[in-house]
Amino acid sequence: MSLNRYSTELAQSFRLPLEQPGPWLRAIVPWFVLALAAHFAGGLGLPGGGLIPFALNGLAFGAFAVTWQRFVALGEDPGRPLSIRIGPRHVLWAFAYQVLLGFESFPTILLSSFLADVENGRLIGIAVQEAFQLLVGTMFLILPHIALYKRGGDGASLQEMTLAGGISVGLGYVLANLPFLVISLAWADLVGQLPAGQGTEIAAALIQFVLSFAAVTVSAAFFAKVWVRLRMEAPRLGRPAPNDDAEPTSKPRRTERLQKRKR
């Protein structure tokens, strides 16, 4: 199959926030505010150290992504502005997302000591991580499975969808994040040239949050659309498709054989 077979879903994922700004804003605003508050609260020396802000930040991304994926795939209304709804799907999605992010960064962590002394080591590390994302991107289908799966529904299993999606899903994941990665790197270089100060730190954090939520917006929509497509298209493993035109392979009955001999 073609590597760009999910290019339509990818293009739609980029356009969707512009085509549906109302639902997107209703889905993202409350969780963006929560994540931003958790980030700045981490620097206030509150009890619990950085664990509570980290958990709230992850939960904010998870809750937004579940809400957005259910709108993209099922047309479910995100709800009233500033409405906050948290359930098991949101918590499980946030946990699975953090595990997957840690898993995809494994090659970079493994090579960090080696790349520290190499010229352009940072860019090499990013390239290695992007290549690894290409291979493991299909594993991220577990996220829309958490957000969208309904017990007793028809369609392929998660294992079948993961195997059928293959590297094409990984390529779509890389391309969904690539524009925001480039902008983030350029912004980090620009911030490094600005005068140090609290205003610069706040602006840097705000822009990074905007880029992070924008990347999750596109990638979550992409995986939701691919999940819906693969749910119907993924082949059943070990179950050959029925061929109505094929000749029957069963042996003729004994009475039929006797009749043929008489003729």
Protein backbone atom coordinates (compact mmCIF):
# COMPACT_ATOMS: atom_id res chain seq x y z
CA MET A 1 0.00 0.00 0.00
CA SER A 2 1.01 3.60 -0.59
CA LEU A 3 2.77 5.50 2.18
CA ASN A 4 0.53 8.54 1.61
CA ARG A 5 -2.76 6.64 1.73
CA TYR A 6 -3.85 8.75 4.74
CA SER A 7 -2.98 12.08 3.14
CA THR A 8 -6.68 12.99 2.89
CA GLU A 9 -7.18 12.45 6.63
CA LEU A 10 -4.03 14.46 7.33
CA ALA A 11 -5.15 17.42 5.20
CA GLN A 12 -8.60 17.36 6.80
CA SER A 13 -7.04 17.38 10.26
CA PHE A 14 -5.16 20.59 9.49
CA ARG A 15 -8.26 22.27 8.04
CA LEU A 16 -10.78 21.18 10.66
CA PRO A 17 -10.06 23.85 13.32
CA LEU A 18 -10.49 26.51 10.63
CA GLU A 19 -13.66 24.94 9.28
CA GLN A 20 -15.14 24.26 12.74
CA PRO A 21 -13.75 27.03 14.98
CA GLY A 22 -16.71 27.01 17.38
CA PRO A 23 -16.49 23.37 18.50
CA TRP A 24 -12.70 23.55 18.53
CA LEU A 25 -12.65 26.58 20.83
CA ARG A 26 -15.26 25.06 23.13
CA ALA A 27 -13.15 21.91 23.33
CA ILE A 28 -9.78 23.55 23.87
CA VAL A 29 -10.29 26.73 25.95
CA PRO A 30 -11.02 25.24 29.41
CA TRP A 31 -8.17 22.72 29.16
CA PHE A 32 -5.72 25.26 27.75
CA VAL A 33 -6.43 27.51 30.74
CA LEU A 34 -5.99 24.59 33.16
CA ALA A 35 -2.69 23.52 31.58
CA LEU A 36 -1.36 27.07 31.60
CA ALA A 37 -2.37 27.57 35.23
CA ALA A 38 -0.75 24.28 36.20
CA HIS A 39 2.46 25.28 34.44
CA PHE A 40 2.81 28.59 36.22
CA ALA A 41 1.67 27.08 39.53
CA GLY A 42 4.65 24.75 39.35
CA GLY A 43 6.98 27.70 39.85
CA LEU A 44 5.24 28.92 43.01
CA GLY A 45 6.65 26.26 45.30
CA LEU A 46 3.29 24.68 46.10
CA PRO A 47 3.07 21.45 48.13
CA GLY A 48 3.68 18.38 46.03
CA GLY A 49 6.48 19.94 44.02
CA GLY A 50 6.15 19.50 40.29
CA LEU A 51 4.08 16.31 40.45
CA ILE A 52 0.69 18.02 40.77
CA PRO A 53 1.31 20.54 37.95
CA PHE A 54 2.61 17.71 35.75
CA ALA A 55 -0.49 15.60 36.44
CA LEU A 56 -2.85 18.52 35.79
CA ASN A 57 -1.01 19.39 32.59
CA GLY A 58 -1.24 15.82 31.31
CA LEU A 59 -4.90 15.60 32.29
CA ALA A 60 -5.64 18.85 30.45
CA PHE A 61 -4.13 17.51 27.23
CA GLY A 62 -5.91 14.20 27.65
CA ALA A 63 -9.31 15.75 28.33
CA PHE A 64 -9.02 18.08 25.36
CA ALA A 65 -7.88 15.31 23.02
CA VAL A 66 -10.72 12.97 24.01
CA THR A 67 -13.28 15.76 23.56
CA TRP A 68 -11.81 16.71 20.19
CA GLN A 69 -11.52 13.14 18.90
CA ARG A 70 -15.11 12.38 19.82
CA PHE A 71 -16.23 15.48 17.93
CA VAL A 72 -14.07 14.60 14.89
CA ALA A 73 -15.13 10.96 14.70
CA LEU A 74 -18.63 10.95 16.19
CA GLY A 75 -19.79 14.54 15.82
CA GLU A 76 -20.27 14.76 19.60
CA ASP A 77 -20.83 18.33 20.80
CA PRO A 78 -17.92 19.51 23.00
CA GLY A 79 -20.45 21.19 25.29
CA ARG A 80 -20.88 24.67 26.65
CA PRO A 81 -17.96 27.11 26.76
CA LEU A 82 -15.74 26.55 29.79
CA SER A 83 -17.49 23.26 30.58
CA ILE A 84 -15.23 20.70 32.27
CA ARG A 85 -16.05 17.00 32.12
CA ILE A 86 -13.56 14.39 33.30
CA GLY A 87 -14.11 10.64 33.13
CA PRO A 88 -12.11 7.41 32.95
CA ARG A 89 -11.47 7.90 29.22
CA HIS A 90 -9.76 11.25 29.85
CA VAL A 91 -7.52 9.91 32.60
CA LEU A 92 -6.60 6.76 30.67
CA TRP A 93 -5.92 8.75 27.49
CA ALA A 94 -3.64 11.16 29.37
CA PHE A 95 -1.72 8.27 30.96
CA ALA A 96 -1.34 6.37 27.67
CA TYR A 97 -0.21 9.53 25.89
CA GLN A 98 2.55 10.20 28.42
CA VAL A 99 3.73 6.58 28.17
CA LEU A 100 3.85 6.79 24.38
CA LEU A 101 5.71 10.10 24.46
CA GLY A 102 8.28 8.56 26.78
CA PHE A 103 8.58 5.52 24.55
CA GLU A 104 9.10 7.52 21.36
CA SER A 105 11.83 9.62 23.01
CA PHE A 106 13.79 6.51 24.04
CA PRO A 107 16.29 6.66 21.12
CA THR A 108 17.07 10.31 21.87
CA ILE A 109 17.64 9.58 25.55
CA LEU A 110 19.79 6.59 24.65
CA LEU A 111 21.99 8.62 22.30
CA SER A 112 22.01 11.86 24.32
CA SER A 113 25.46 11.32 25.84
CA PHE A 114 26.94 10.47 22.45
CA LEU A 115 25.27 13.36 20.60
CA ALA A 116 26.29 15.91 23.24
CA ASP A 117 29.80 16.12 21.78
CA VAL A 118 28.76 15.89 18.13
CA GLU A 119 28.35 18.91 15.90
CA ASN A 120 24.64 19.41 15.10
CA GLY A 121 23.89 16.71 17.64
CA ARG A 122 20.56 18.32 18.47
CA LEU A 123 19.37 18.06 14.87
CA ILE A 124 20.64 14.49 14.59
CA GLY A 125 18.71 13.60 17.74
CA ILE A 126 15.53 15.11 16.31
CA ALA A 127 16.02 13.21 13.06
CA VAL A 128 16.51 9.94 14.96
CA GLN A 129 13.35 10.55 16.96
CA GLU A 130 11.37 11.39 13.81
CA ALA A 131 12.55 8.15 12.20
CA PHE A 132 11.50 6.21 15.29
CA GLN A 133 8.09 7.93 15.23
CA LEU A 134 7.72 6.75 11.67
CA LEU A 135 8.08 3.15 12.85
CA VAL A 136 5.99 3.29 16.02
CA GLY A 137 3.40 5.89 15.04
CA THR A 138 0.77 3.24 14.42
CA MET A 139 0.88 2.42 18.15
CA PHE A 140 -0.77 5.79 18.79
CA LEU A 141 -4.01 4.29 17.46
CA ILE A 142 -4.55 3.17 21.03
CA LEU A 143 -5.44 6.79 21.86
CA PRO A 144 -8.54 7.08 19.64
CA HIS A 145 -9.37 3.52 20.66
CA ILE A 146 -9.58 4.76 24.25
CA ALA A 147 -11.58 7.82 23.25
CA LEU A 148 -13.98 6.21 20.76
CA TYR A 149 -14.31 2.49 21.47
CA LYS A 150 -17.77 1.28 22.32
CA ARG A 151 -18.25 -2.22 23.68
CA GLY A 152 -20.19 -4.44 21.29
CA GLY A 153 -19.50 -2.26 18.26
CA ASP A 154 -18.73 -3.74 14.86
CA GLY A 155 -15.35 -3.46 13.20
CA ALA A 156 -11.76 -4.60 13.41
CA SER A 157 -9.90 -4.99 16.67
CA LEU A 158 -7.13 -2.65 17.79
CA GLN A 159 -4.48 -5.25 16.93
CA GLU A 160 -5.85 -5.63 13.42
CA MET A 161 -6.00 -1.87 12.90
CA THR A 162 -2.46 -1.41 14.17
CA LEU A 163 -1.06 -4.06 11.84
CA ALA A 164 -3.11 -2.88 8.88
CA GLY A 165 -2.17 0.78 9.40
CA GLY A 166 1.55 0.12 9.33
CA ILE A 167 4.15 2.70 8.51
CA SER A 168 1.64 4.90 6.66
CA VAL A 169 0.13 5.91 10.00
CA GLY A 170 3.60 6.71 11.33
CA LEU A 171 4.32 8.93 8.33
CA GLY A 172 1.07 10.80 8.89
CA TYR A 173 1.97 11.27 12.56
CA VAL A 174 5.39 12.69 11.67
CA LEU A 175 3.91 15.08 9.10
CA ALA A 176 1.17 16.18 11.50
CA ASN A 177 3.77 17.31 14.04
CA LEU A 178 6.49 18.51 11.67
CA PRO A 179 5.24 22.12 11.10
CA PHE A 180 4.87 22.72 14.84
CA LEU A 181 8.28 21.18 15.53
CA VAL A 182 9.94 23.53 13.03
CA ILE A 183 8.13 26.56 14.48
CA SER A 184 9.03 25.49 18.02
CA LEU A 185 12.72 25.18 17.16
CA ALA A 186 12.74 28.56 15.44
CA TRP A 187 10.93 30.15 18.39
CA ALA A 188 13.40 28.62 20.88
CA ASP A 189 16.30 30.10 18.93
CA LEU A 190 14.58 33.48 18.85
CA VAL A 191 13.89 33.44 22.59
CA GLY A 192 17.57 32.69 23.21
CA GLN A 193 18.46 35.98 21.52
CA LEU A 194 15.95 38.07 23.49
CA PRO A 195 16.86 39.85 26.76
CA ALA A 196 16.35 37.61 29.76
CA GLY A 197 13.42 38.52 31.98
CA GLN A 198 10.09 37.44 33.36
CA GLY A 199 8.23 38.83 30.34
CA THR A 200 10.36 36.77 27.98
CA GLU A 201 9.79 33.61 30.02
CA ILE A 202 6.03 34.12 30.07
CA ALA A 203 5.92 34.78 26.32
CA ALA A 204 8.08 31.73 25.63
CA ALA A 205 5.88 29.48 27.78
CA LEU A 206 2.68 30.83 26.22
CA ILE A 207 3.87 30.27 22.65
CA GLN A 208 5.09 26.78 23.50
CA PHE A 209 1.69 25.94 24.98
CA VAL A 210 -0.06 27.23 21.89
CA LEU A 211 2.20 25.10 19.67
CA SER A 212 1.72 22.03 21.88
CA PHE A 213 -2.06 22.28 21.82
CA ALA A 214 -2.02 22.97 18.08
CA ALA A 215 0.08 19.85 17.49
CA VAL A 216 -2.24 17.73 19.64
CA THR A 217 -5.23 19.21 17.79
CA VAL A 218 -3.95 18.03 14.42
CA SER A 219 -2.50 14.69 15.50
CA ALA A 220 -5.56 13.77 17.60
CA ALA A 221 -7.88 14.53 14.68
CA PHE A 222 -5.63 12.56 12.33
CA PHE A 223 -5.59 9.46 14.52
CA ALA A 224 -9.35 9.69 15.08
CA LYS A 225 -10.03 9.77 11.34
CA VAL A 226 -7.58 6.95 10.64
CA TRP A 227 -9.08 4.86 13.47
CA VAL A 228 -12.56 5.23 12.00
CA ARG A 229 -11.30 4.27 8.55
CA LEU A 230 -9.30 1.27 9.74
CA ARG A 231 -12.15 0.15 11.96
CA MET A 232 -14.04 -0.67 8.77
CA GLU A 233 -11.18 -1.50 6.39
CA ALA A 234 -8.66 -3.48 8.46
CA PRO A 235 -8.69 -7.15 7.37
CA ARG A 236 -9.64 -9.82 9.84
CA LEU A 237 -6.43 -11.69 10.59
CA GLY A 238 -6.62 -15.32 9.68
CA ARG A 239 -10.10 -14.94 8.19
CA PRO A 240 -9.95 -14.98 4.38
CA ALA A 241 -12.56 -12.85 2.68
CA PRO A 242 -15.48 -14.83 1.30
CA ASN A 243 -15.41 -15.43 -2.45
CA ASP A 244 -18.91 -15.86 -3.79
CA ASP A 245 -17.65 -16.69 -7.29
CA ALA A 246 -15.49 -19.58 -6.13
CA GLU A 247 -16.65 -23.09 -6.89
CA PRO A 248 -17.74 -25.17 -3.90
CA THR A 249 -15.01 -27.43 -2.59
CA SER A 250 -17.23 -29.84 -0.67
CA LYS A 251 -17.58 -33.37 -2.02
CA PRO A 252 -20.85 -34.25 -3.79
CA ARG A 253 -23.28 -36.33 -1.85
CA ARG A 254 -23.43 -40.11 -2.40
CA THR A 255 -26.86 -39.88 -4.11
CA GLU A 256 -25.47 -37.33 -6.57
CA ARG A 257 -22.56 -39.65 -7.45
CA LEU A 258 -24.94 -42.58 -8.06
CA GLN A 259 -27.12 -40.49 -10.35
CA LYS A 260 -24.08 -39.44 -12.37
CA ARG A 261 -23.03 -43.12 -12.81
CA LYS A 262 -26.51 -44.08 -14.11
CA ARG A 263 -26.32 -41.34 -16.69
